[in-house]
Structures are given as structure tokens and as C-alpha cells.
């Protein structure tokens, strides 16, 4: 069983910045890590990790939430406002009889789709362009 620890992930800025997602909460089988926003808790980025077994299937899920906030000034008071939130969900469903190597290979394929330089997948996810041809 994996221990709940800080997860450090680099963004894709031209000069990458390391983001530290620290353990925040754990209940009902869901572990939540968050990176506190310097302006407001509304802007906290978070990652949730969970798994559940139903019959012969095991479902493992990673959900990343990236809120985008702005600060508006009303009567000389700055107030953060949630503009939108971007979600990325990774869901793996495997048979309970699958081997660790089979799951490891599947994870490698998914990671390859999300890797910097996977042009077709980047165009789909980052640029919102459909795959054609």
C-alpha cells in the first residue's frame, strides 16, 4: 500500500516550476493532496487518488483540479473570484486477475500519451483540436 506523501510535479512553463502537492485529507478511500494558492484557498490546486473494487474489476482514479482565479476590486477591497476550473481525470480499470506487469505496461502507454512531445495527444488536450484523418 502506498504511503500518502508530498508529490512534486513540474509544470510545462518555458522555465518549469516544481509544484508541491502536500497531503491534505484522507477519507472514504480517497486521498487528497493540494498545493495552496498564495492568493486564496479558491485557487488551491488539488489531486485526488482513489481505488475501489467492484466484482472482478478494480478501478483506480487520479483527478487533478486546477482552478483559475482572478482578483477583482470592489470598493477598494480585493476579492478573489473563481473564473473556471480545469480537470484532468485518469481512470484505470483492470481485472483483479491482471498482473502487475500488465498494469505497469498500460500505465506506461498512458504516461506516453501525456508526455511532453506526444504531439497528437498534446494537440487534442492542450489545443482542443480533434484527431482527424
N, C-alpha and C. Protein backbone atom coordinates (compact mmCIF):
# COMPACT_ATOMS: atom_id res chain seq x y z
N UNK A 1 0.84 -1.17 0.00
CA UNK A 1 0.00 0.00 0.00
C UNK A 1 0.89 1.25 0.00
N UNK A 2 0.58 2.19 -0.86
CA UNK A 2 1.37 3.42 -0.97
C UNK A 2 1.10 4.35 0.20
N UNK A 3 2.17 4.98 0.67
CA UNK A 3 2.04 5.95 1.75
C UNK A 3 1.68 7.31 1.17
N UNK A 4 0.86 8.03 1.89
CA UNK A 4 0.45 9.37 1.46
C UNK A 4 1.58 10.34 1.80
N UNK A 5 2.24 10.86 0.77
CA UNK A 5 3.37 11.77 0.95
C UNK A 5 3.25 12.93 -0.04
N UNK A 6 4.10 13.91 0.10
CA UNK A 6 4.12 15.04 -0.81
C UNK A 6 4.50 14.57 -2.21
N UNK A 7 3.81 15.09 -3.21
CA UNK A 7 4.04 14.76 -4.61
C UNK A 7 4.53 16.04 -5.31
N UNK A 8 5.73 15.99 -5.88
CA UNK A 8 6.29 17.16 -6.57
C UNK A 8 6.23 16.93 -8.07
N UNK A 9 5.60 17.88 -8.77
CA UNK A 9 5.39 17.75 -10.21
C UNK A 9 5.77 19.06 -10.88
N UNK A 10 6.56 18.98 -11.95
CA UNK A 10 6.92 20.18 -12.72
C UNK A 10 5.81 20.54 -13.68
N UNK A 11 5.58 21.85 -13.84
CA UNK A 11 4.62 22.28 -14.84
C UNK A 11 5.33 22.33 -16.20
N UNK A 12 4.63 22.81 -17.22
CA UNK A 12 5.21 22.87 -18.55
C UNK A 12 5.49 24.31 -18.98
N UNK A 13 5.76 25.18 -18.04
CA UNK A 13 6.13 26.55 -18.38
C UNK A 13 7.46 26.53 -19.13
N UNK A 14 7.81 27.63 -19.81
CA UNK A 14 9.07 27.66 -20.55
C UNK A 14 10.25 27.49 -19.59
N UNK A 15 10.12 27.99 -18.38
CA UNK A 15 11.05 27.68 -17.30
C UNK A 15 10.23 26.90 -16.28
N UNK A 16 10.34 25.57 -16.28
CA UNK A 16 9.48 24.75 -15.42
C UNK A 16 9.60 25.10 -13.94
N UNK A 17 8.46 25.03 -13.28
CA UNK A 17 8.38 25.29 -11.85
C UNK A 17 7.89 24.01 -11.18
N UNK A 18 8.54 23.63 -10.09
CA UNK A 18 8.12 22.46 -9.33
C UNK A 18 6.96 22.84 -8.41
N UNK A 19 5.91 22.05 -8.45
CA UNK A 19 4.73 22.27 -7.61
C UNK A 19 4.65 21.14 -6.60
N UNK A 20 4.52 21.50 -5.34
CA UNK A 20 4.44 20.52 -4.26
C UNK A 20 3.00 20.34 -3.80
N UNK A 21 2.47 19.16 -4.05
CA UNK A 21 1.13 18.81 -3.59
C UNK A 21 1.30 18.04 -2.28
N UNK A 22 0.84 18.63 -1.20
CA UNK A 22 1.05 18.04 0.13
C UNK A 22 -0.23 17.33 0.59
N UNK A 23 -0.07 16.27 1.39
CA UNK A 23 -1.25 15.58 1.91
C UNK A 23 -2.18 16.56 2.62
N UNK A 24 -3.45 16.48 2.29
CA UNK A 24 -4.43 17.41 2.86
C UNK A 24 -5.52 16.67 3.63
N UNK A 25 -6.03 15.59 3.03
CA UNK A 25 -7.14 14.87 3.66
C UNK A 25 -7.16 13.44 3.15
N UNK A 26 -7.76 12.59 3.93
CA UNK A 26 -7.96 11.21 3.51
C UNK A 26 -9.20 10.69 4.21
N UNK A 27 -10.21 10.36 3.40
CA UNK A 27 -11.43 9.79 3.95
C UNK A 27 -12.17 8.99 2.89
N UNK A 28 -12.85 7.99 3.35
CA UNK A 28 -13.63 7.11 2.47
C UNK A 28 -12.82 6.58 1.30
N UNK A 29 -11.55 6.27 1.53
CA UNK A 29 -10.70 5.69 0.50
C UNK A 29 -10.18 6.68 -0.53
N UNK A 30 -10.37 7.98 -0.30
CA UNK A 30 -9.88 8.99 -1.22
C UNK A 30 -8.81 9.82 -0.51
N UNK A 31 -7.62 9.86 -1.11
CA UNK A 31 -6.53 10.68 -0.58
C UNK A 31 -6.48 11.97 -1.39
N UNK A 32 -6.38 13.09 -0.70
CA UNK A 32 -6.34 14.38 -1.39
C UNK A 32 -5.05 15.10 -1.05
N UNK A 33 -4.39 15.56 -2.10
CA UNK A 33 -3.19 16.38 -1.95
C UNK A 33 -3.50 17.74 -2.54
N UNK A 34 -2.92 18.79 -1.97
CA UNK A 34 -3.19 20.11 -2.53
C UNK A 34 -1.96 20.98 -2.52
N UNK A 35 -1.96 21.92 -3.44
CA UNK A 35 -0.95 22.97 -3.47
C UNK A 35 -1.69 24.26 -3.15
N UNK A 36 -1.35 24.85 -2.01
CA UNK A 36 -2.03 26.06 -1.57
C UNK A 36 -1.71 27.22 -2.51
N UNK A 37 -2.74 28.00 -2.84
CA UNK A 37 -2.59 29.19 -3.66
C UNK A 37 -2.20 30.35 -2.76
N UNK A 38 -1.34 31.21 -3.24
CA UNK A 38 -0.87 32.32 -2.41
C UNK A 38 -1.94 33.41 -2.24
N UNK A 39 -2.94 33.44 -3.11
CA UNK A 39 -3.96 34.49 -3.06
C UNK A 39 -5.17 34.07 -2.23
N UNK A 40 -5.67 32.86 -2.48
CA UNK A 40 -6.90 32.43 -1.81
C UNK A 40 -7.03 30.91 -1.89
N UNK A 41 -7.69 30.29 -0.90
CA UNK A 41 -7.97 28.86 -0.99
C UNK A 41 -8.80 28.48 -2.22
N UNK A 42 -9.52 29.46 -2.77
CA UNK A 42 -10.27 29.20 -4.01
C UNK A 42 -9.34 28.73 -5.13
N UNK A 43 -8.09 29.17 -5.09
CA UNK A 43 -7.13 28.84 -6.14
C UNK A 43 -6.29 27.62 -5.85
N UNK A 44 -6.56 26.92 -4.74
CA UNK A 44 -5.78 25.72 -4.42
C UNK A 44 -5.95 24.66 -5.50
N UNK A 45 -4.83 24.18 -6.02
CA UNK A 45 -4.84 23.06 -6.95
C UNK A 45 -4.88 21.79 -6.12
N UNK A 46 -5.56 20.76 -6.60
CA UNK A 46 -5.55 19.52 -5.85
C UNK A 46 -5.54 18.29 -6.74
N UNK A 47 -5.07 17.21 -6.14
CA UNK A 47 -5.04 15.90 -6.78
C UNK A 47 -5.72 14.93 -5.83
N UNK A 48 -6.67 14.16 -6.33
CA UNK A 48 -7.28 13.12 -5.50
C UNK A 48 -6.91 11.76 -6.08
N UNK A 49 -6.67 10.81 -5.19
CA UNK A 49 -6.26 9.46 -5.55
C UNK A 49 -7.22 8.48 -4.88
N UNK A 50 -7.78 7.57 -5.65
CA UNK A 50 -8.71 6.61 -5.06
C UNK A 50 -8.70 5.29 -5.82
N UNK A 51 -9.17 4.27 -5.18
CA UNK A 51 -9.32 2.97 -5.82
C UNK A 51 -10.51 2.25 -5.20
N UNK A 52 -11.17 1.44 -5.99
CA UNK A 52 -12.27 0.62 -5.47
C UNK A 52 -12.39 -0.64 -6.31
N UNK A 53 -12.88 -1.67 -5.69
CA UNK A 53 -13.07 -2.95 -6.36
C UNK A 53 -14.56 -3.24 -6.44
N UNK A 54 -15.01 -3.59 -7.64
CA UNK A 54 -16.39 -3.98 -7.87
C UNK A 54 -16.38 -5.29 -8.63
N UNK A 55 -16.80 -6.35 -7.98
CA UNK A 55 -16.77 -7.65 -8.63
C UNK A 55 -15.35 -8.03 -9.00
N UNK A 56 -15.13 -8.31 -10.28
CA UNK A 56 -13.80 -8.73 -10.74
C UNK A 56 -13.00 -7.56 -11.31
N UNK A 57 -13.47 -6.33 -11.10
CA UNK A 57 -12.80 -5.15 -11.65
C UNK A 57 -12.29 -4.25 -10.53
N UNK A 58 -11.10 -3.73 -10.75
CA UNK A 58 -10.53 -2.74 -9.84
C UNK A 58 -10.41 -1.44 -10.61
N UNK A 59 -10.92 -0.37 -10.01
CA UNK A 59 -10.85 0.95 -10.65
C UNK A 59 -9.98 1.86 -9.80
N UNK A 60 -8.94 2.38 -10.43
CA UNK A 60 -8.05 3.34 -9.78
C UNK A 60 -8.20 4.66 -10.50
N UNK A 61 -8.30 5.75 -9.74
CA UNK A 61 -8.60 7.05 -10.34
C UNK A 61 -7.68 8.13 -9.77
N UNK A 62 -7.18 8.96 -10.65
CA UNK A 62 -6.44 10.16 -10.29
C UNK A 62 -7.22 11.33 -10.90
N UNK A 63 -7.54 12.32 -10.07
CA UNK A 63 -8.23 13.51 -10.56
C UNK A 63 -7.40 14.72 -10.19
N UNK A 64 -7.07 15.52 -11.19
CA UNK A 64 -6.32 16.76 -10.99
C UNK A 64 -7.28 17.91 -11.23
N UNK A 65 -7.33 18.86 -10.31
CA UNK A 65 -8.18 20.04 -10.47
C UNK A 65 -7.30 21.29 -10.38
N UNK A 66 -7.41 22.13 -11.41
CA UNK A 66 -6.62 23.36 -11.47
C UNK A 66 -7.58 24.54 -11.61
N UNK A 67 -7.90 25.18 -10.48
CA UNK A 67 -8.79 26.34 -10.55
C UNK A 67 -8.05 27.58 -11.05
N UNK A 68 -8.75 28.41 -11.78
CA UNK A 68 -8.22 29.67 -12.30
C UNK A 68 -9.00 30.77 -11.60
N UNK A 69 -8.28 31.64 -10.88
CA UNK A 69 -8.97 32.72 -10.18
C UNK A 69 -8.49 34.07 -10.69
N UNK A 70 -9.31 35.06 -10.47
CA UNK A 70 -8.92 36.45 -10.73
C UNK A 70 -9.19 37.22 -9.44
N UNK A 71 -8.61 38.37 -9.36
CA UNK A 71 -8.86 39.23 -8.19
C UNK A 71 -9.56 40.48 -8.70
N UNK A 72 -10.76 40.72 -8.17
CA UNK A 72 -11.48 41.92 -8.56
C UNK A 72 -11.54 42.86 -7.36
N UNK A 73 -11.50 44.14 -7.63
CA UNK A 73 -11.53 45.14 -6.57
C UNK A 73 -12.90 45.79 -6.56
N UNK A 74 -13.57 45.67 -5.41
CA UNK A 74 -14.88 46.27 -5.23
C UNK A 74 -14.80 47.16 -3.98
N UNK A 75 -15.07 48.44 -4.15
CA UNK A 75 -14.99 49.40 -3.05
C UNK A 75 -13.63 49.32 -2.35
N UNK A 76 -12.58 49.27 -3.14
CA UNK A 76 -11.20 49.23 -2.65
C UNK A 76 -10.85 47.97 -1.87
N UNK A 77 -11.66 46.93 -2.02
CA UNK A 77 -11.38 45.65 -1.37
C UNK A 77 -11.12 44.60 -2.46
N UNK A 78 -9.95 43.96 -2.39
CA UNK A 78 -9.62 42.90 -3.35
C UNK A 78 -10.32 41.61 -2.95
N UNK A 79 -11.02 41.01 -3.91
CA UNK A 79 -11.72 39.75 -3.66
C UNK A 79 -11.37 38.75 -4.74
N UNK A 80 -10.91 37.56 -4.33
CA UNK A 80 -10.65 36.53 -5.33
C UNK A 80 -11.96 35.99 -5.88
N UNK A 81 -11.94 35.66 -7.15
CA UNK A 81 -13.14 35.12 -7.80
C UNK A 81 -12.74 33.93 -8.66
N UNK A 82 -13.44 32.83 -8.50
CA UNK A 82 -13.19 31.64 -9.31
C UNK A 82 -13.73 31.87 -10.71
N UNK A 83 -12.83 31.81 -11.69
CA UNK A 83 -13.23 32.01 -13.09
C UNK A 83 -13.66 30.69 -13.73
N UNK A 84 -12.85 29.65 -13.50
CA UNK A 84 -13.11 28.34 -14.10
C UNK A 84 -12.17 27.33 -13.45
N UNK A 85 -12.43 26.07 -13.69
CA UNK A 85 -11.55 25.01 -13.18
C UNK A 85 -11.30 24.01 -14.31
N UNK A 86 -10.06 23.63 -14.47
CA UNK A 86 -9.68 22.61 -15.45
C UNK A 86 -9.51 21.29 -14.69
N UNK A 87 -10.11 20.22 -15.19
CA UNK A 87 -10.00 18.91 -14.57
C UNK A 87 -9.31 17.95 -15.55
N UNK A 88 -8.43 17.13 -15.03
CA UNK A 88 -7.84 16.03 -15.80
C UNK A 88 -8.09 14.78 -14.98
N UNK A 89 -8.70 13.79 -15.62
CA UNK A 89 -9.02 12.55 -14.92
C UNK A 89 -8.31 11.38 -15.59
N UNK A 90 -7.65 10.58 -14.79
CA UNK A 90 -7.03 9.35 -15.28
C UNK A 90 -7.76 8.22 -14.57
N UNK A 91 -8.38 7.35 -15.34
CA UNK A 91 -9.13 6.23 -14.78
C UNK A 91 -8.60 4.94 -15.37
N UNK A 92 -8.18 4.04 -14.52
CA UNK A 92 -7.71 2.74 -14.99
C UNK A 92 -8.63 1.68 -14.44
N UNK A 93 -9.17 0.87 -15.33
CA UNK A 93 -9.99 -0.27 -14.93
C UNK A 93 -9.26 -1.52 -15.35
N UNK A 94 -9.03 -2.40 -14.39
CA UNK A 94 -8.33 -3.65 -14.70
C UNK A 94 -9.03 -4.80 -14.00
N UNK A 95 -8.85 -5.96 -14.57
CA UNK A 95 -9.37 -7.17 -13.96
C UNK A 95 -8.52 -7.48 -12.73
N UNK A 96 -9.14 -7.96 -11.67
CA UNK A 96 -8.37 -8.27 -10.47
C UNK A 96 -7.32 -9.35 -10.73
N UNK A 97 -7.49 -10.12 -11.80
CA UNK A 97 -6.52 -11.17 -12.11
C UNK A 97 -5.36 -10.65 -12.97
N UNK A 98 -5.38 -9.38 -13.37
CA UNK A 98 -4.28 -8.85 -14.19
C UNK A 98 -3.01 -8.81 -13.35
N UNK A 99 -1.88 -8.90 -14.04
CA UNK A 99 -0.60 -8.90 -13.33
C UNK A 99 -0.09 -7.48 -13.17
N UNK A 100 0.84 -7.32 -12.24
CA UNK A 100 1.46 -6.01 -12.03
C UNK A 100 2.15 -5.55 -13.32
N UNK A 101 2.79 -6.46 -14.05
CA UNK A 101 3.48 -6.08 -15.29
C UNK A 101 2.49 -5.61 -16.35
N UNK A 102 1.35 -6.27 -16.46
CA UNK A 102 0.33 -5.84 -17.42
C UNK A 102 -0.16 -4.43 -17.08
N UNK A 103 -0.41 -4.18 -15.82
CA UNK A 103 -0.85 -2.85 -15.39
C UNK A 103 0.26 -1.81 -15.59
N UNK A 104 1.50 -2.21 -15.31
CA UNK A 104 2.64 -1.32 -15.49
C UNK A 104 2.77 -0.90 -16.95
N UNK A 105 2.62 -1.84 -17.87
CA UNK A 105 2.68 -1.52 -19.30
C UNK A 105 1.56 -0.57 -19.70
N UNK A 106 0.35 -0.81 -19.21
CA UNK A 106 -0.78 0.07 -19.54
C UNK A 106 -0.53 1.48 -19.02
N UNK A 107 0.03 1.59 -17.82
CA UNK A 107 0.35 2.91 -17.25
C UNK A 107 1.42 3.60 -18.10
N UNK A 108 2.41 2.84 -18.57
CA UNK A 108 3.46 3.41 -19.42
C UNK A 108 2.87 3.97 -20.71
N UNK A 109 1.91 3.27 -21.30
CA UNK A 109 1.28 3.75 -22.53
C UNK A 109 0.52 5.05 -22.26
N UNK A 110 -0.22 5.10 -21.15
CA UNK A 110 -0.96 6.32 -20.79
C UNK A 110 0.00 7.47 -20.50
N UNK A 111 1.08 7.18 -19.78
CA UNK A 111 2.07 8.21 -19.48
C UNK A 111 2.70 8.74 -20.77
N UNK A 112 2.91 7.86 -21.73
CA UNK A 112 3.45 8.29 -23.01
C UNK A 112 2.52 9.25 -23.73
N UNK A 113 1.22 9.02 -23.60
CA UNK A 113 0.24 9.94 -24.21
C UNK A 113 0.30 11.32 -23.56
N UNK A 114 0.65 11.38 -22.28
CA UNK A 114 0.67 12.65 -21.56
C UNK A 114 2.05 13.29 -21.53
N UNK A 115 3.05 12.60 -22.04
CA UNK A 115 4.43 13.11 -22.00
C UNK A 115 4.58 14.32 -22.92
N UNK A 116 5.45 15.22 -22.49
CA UNK A 116 5.79 16.37 -23.32
C UNK A 116 6.38 15.83 -24.63
N UNK A 117 5.85 16.26 -25.74
CA UNK A 117 6.35 15.77 -27.02
C UNK A 117 5.44 14.77 -27.70
N UNK A 118 4.38 14.31 -27.03
CA UNK A 118 3.40 13.43 -27.67
C UNK A 118 2.44 14.34 -28.45
N UNK A 119 2.87 14.73 -29.65
CA UNK A 119 2.23 15.79 -30.42
C UNK A 119 0.73 15.59 -30.64
N UNK A 120 0.32 14.41 -31.05
CA UNK A 120 -1.09 14.18 -31.35
C UNK A 120 -1.94 14.35 -30.09
N UNK A 121 -1.49 13.78 -28.99
CA UNK A 121 -2.24 13.86 -27.73
C UNK A 121 -2.21 15.28 -27.18
N UNK A 122 -1.05 15.95 -27.30
CA UNK A 122 -0.95 17.35 -26.87
C UNK A 122 -1.91 18.23 -27.66
N UNK A 123 -1.97 18.02 -28.96
CA UNK A 123 -2.85 18.82 -29.79
C UNK A 123 -4.31 18.63 -29.37
N UNK A 124 -4.66 17.41 -29.02
CA UNK A 124 -6.01 17.11 -28.56
C UNK A 124 -6.29 17.78 -27.21
N UNK A 125 -5.41 17.56 -26.22
CA UNK A 125 -5.66 18.03 -24.86
C UNK A 125 -5.33 19.51 -24.65
N UNK A 126 -4.21 19.96 -25.17
CA UNK A 126 -3.76 21.33 -24.91
C UNK A 126 -4.42 22.33 -25.87
N UNK A 127 -4.50 21.96 -27.15
CA UNK A 127 -5.04 22.88 -28.16
C UNK A 127 -6.51 22.65 -28.48
N UNK A 128 -7.12 21.64 -27.86
CA UNK A 128 -8.54 21.31 -28.08
C UNK A 128 -8.84 20.99 -29.54
N UNK A 129 -7.88 20.42 -30.26
CA UNK A 129 -8.09 20.06 -31.66
C UNK A 129 -8.44 18.58 -31.76
N UNK A 130 -9.49 18.26 -32.54
CA UNK A 130 -9.85 16.85 -32.71
C UNK A 130 -8.81 16.11 -33.55
N UNK A 131 -8.75 14.81 -33.36
CA UNK A 131 -7.86 13.96 -34.18
C UNK A 131 -8.60 13.66 -35.47
N UNK A 132 -7.95 13.94 -36.58
CA UNK A 132 -8.59 13.72 -37.89
C UNK A 132 -7.74 12.80 -38.73
N UNK A 133 -8.27 12.40 -39.86
CA UNK A 133 -7.51 11.63 -40.83
C UNK A 133 -7.50 10.23 -40.50
